[in-house]
Amino acid sequence: MQDSRKRANTKWLKENYESITIRVPKGTRERIKGWADASGVSMAAYIQQACREKAEKVLDRG
């Protein structure tokens, strides 16, 4: 990949996305990866969906 393309990608990501880092017990990452693979989505998409579902439950109770 050309340096100019890398810079453009990095700039776009910085302008459009935020990062969240989480730490999980050993083995958990592989479990999440397995669940995501079984669902046919990336780990990021799987975690985002899980967060949305949890938020909906919390909001429904409130």
Protein backbone atom coordinates (compact mmCIF):
# COMPACT_ATOMS: atom_id res chain seq x y z
CA MET A 1 0.00 0.00 0.00
CA GLN A 2 1.35 3.42 -0.87
CA ASP A 3 2.25 5.82 1.94
CA SER A 4 -0.25 8.39 0.67
CA ARG A 5 -3.05 5.79 0.83
CA LYS A 6 -2.03 4.79 4.36
CA ARG A 7 -2.09 8.44 5.46
CA ALA A 8 -5.49 8.96 3.86
CA ASN A 9 -6.90 5.84 5.56
CA THR A 10 -5.47 6.88 8.92
CA LYS A 11 -6.93 10.39 8.57
CA TRP A 12 -10.35 9.04 7.58
CA LEU A 13 -10.42 6.60 10.50
CA LYS A 14 -9.40 9.34 12.93
CA GLU A 15 -12.17 11.63 11.67
CA ASN A 16 -14.91 8.98 11.61
CA TYR A 17 -14.20 6.43 14.34
CA GLU A 18 -13.21 6.14 17.97
CA SER A 19 -11.32 3.28 19.56
CA ILE A 20 -12.16 1.43 22.74
CA THR A 21 -9.68 -0.95 24.30
CA ILE A 22 -10.91 -3.64 26.66
CA ARG A 23 -9.04 -6.24 28.64
CA VAL A 24 -10.55 -9.67 29.10
CA PRO A 25 -9.38 -12.79 30.90
CA LYS A 26 -7.20 -15.15 28.87
CA GLY A 27 -9.27 -17.29 26.56
CA THR A 28 -12.15 -14.84 26.37
CA ARG A 29 -10.93 -13.27 23.13
CA GLU A 30 -11.02 -16.64 21.39
CA ARG A 31 -14.51 -17.34 22.76
CA ILE A 32 -15.77 -14.00 21.43
CA LYS A 33 -14.06 -14.69 18.09
CA GLY A 34 -15.83 -18.06 17.92
CA TRP A 35 -19.22 -16.51 18.66
CA ALA A 36 -18.61 -13.81 16.05
CA ASP A 37 -17.50 -16.36 13.44
CA ALA A 38 -20.57 -18.48 14.15
CA SER A 39 -22.72 -15.37 13.65
CA GLY A 40 -20.92 -14.54 10.42
CA VAL A 41 -19.65 -11.14 11.59
CA SER A 42 -16.42 -9.57 12.75
CA MET A 43 -15.55 -9.40 16.44
CA ALA A 44 -16.10 -5.62 16.35
CA ALA A 45 -19.56 -6.02 14.83
CA TYR A 46 -20.42 -8.77 17.31
CA ILE A 47 -19.38 -6.66 20.30
CA GLN A 48 -21.21 -3.60 18.97
CA GLN A 49 -24.40 -5.64 18.53
CA ALA A 50 -24.06 -7.09 22.04
CA CYS A 51 -23.73 -3.56 23.44
CA ARG A 52 -26.81 -2.38 21.52
CA GLU A 53 -28.85 -5.34 22.76
CA LYS A 54 -27.76 -4.73 26.35
CA ALA A 55 -28.57 -1.02 26.06
CA GLU A 56 -32.04 -1.80 24.73
CA LYS A 57 -32.73 -4.05 27.73
CA VAL A 58 -31.51 -1.39 30.15
CA LEU A 59 -33.58 1.32 28.45
CA ASP A 60 -36.68 -0.90 28.41
CA ARG A 61 -36.43 -1.30 32.19
CA GLY A 62 -36.00 2.43 32.79
